[in-house]
Amino acid sequence: MPPATAEVERRTRAPHGANRAVLLAAVRERPGASAGELAAAAGIARPVIYALLNRLTAHGELVGSELPGGSSGYALRPEPPAPGLVPRRRGHDRRRRAALGR
């Protein structure tokens, strides 16, 4: 017989964005980890992890890859280099190639 409603311990929901933050921290610490490993590391239920992983990969924040066992591993999407840090100097490249005889 189920306990009376007064005796049932209610689970509280995590604050908005908390599961996402914990999952991203776990992925940062364990790049390439499977969904099950991330669920255990983050302390979040697997169904919640799967939903978050699907959403974050669809938005491009995470990338998934196939692991040797056939399961999927997840990692943060690599950041592209900042456009201002590597200027393209085409004239310099042409002069350099000309000096090298190419």
Foldseek 3Di string as FASTA:
>chain_A
DDDDPVPDDDDDDDPPCPLVVLLQVLQAVPPFDFLVVSCVSSVHDSVVSVVSVVVCVVVQQKDWDADPVRGIGIHGRDDDDDDVPDDDDPVVVVVVCVVVVD
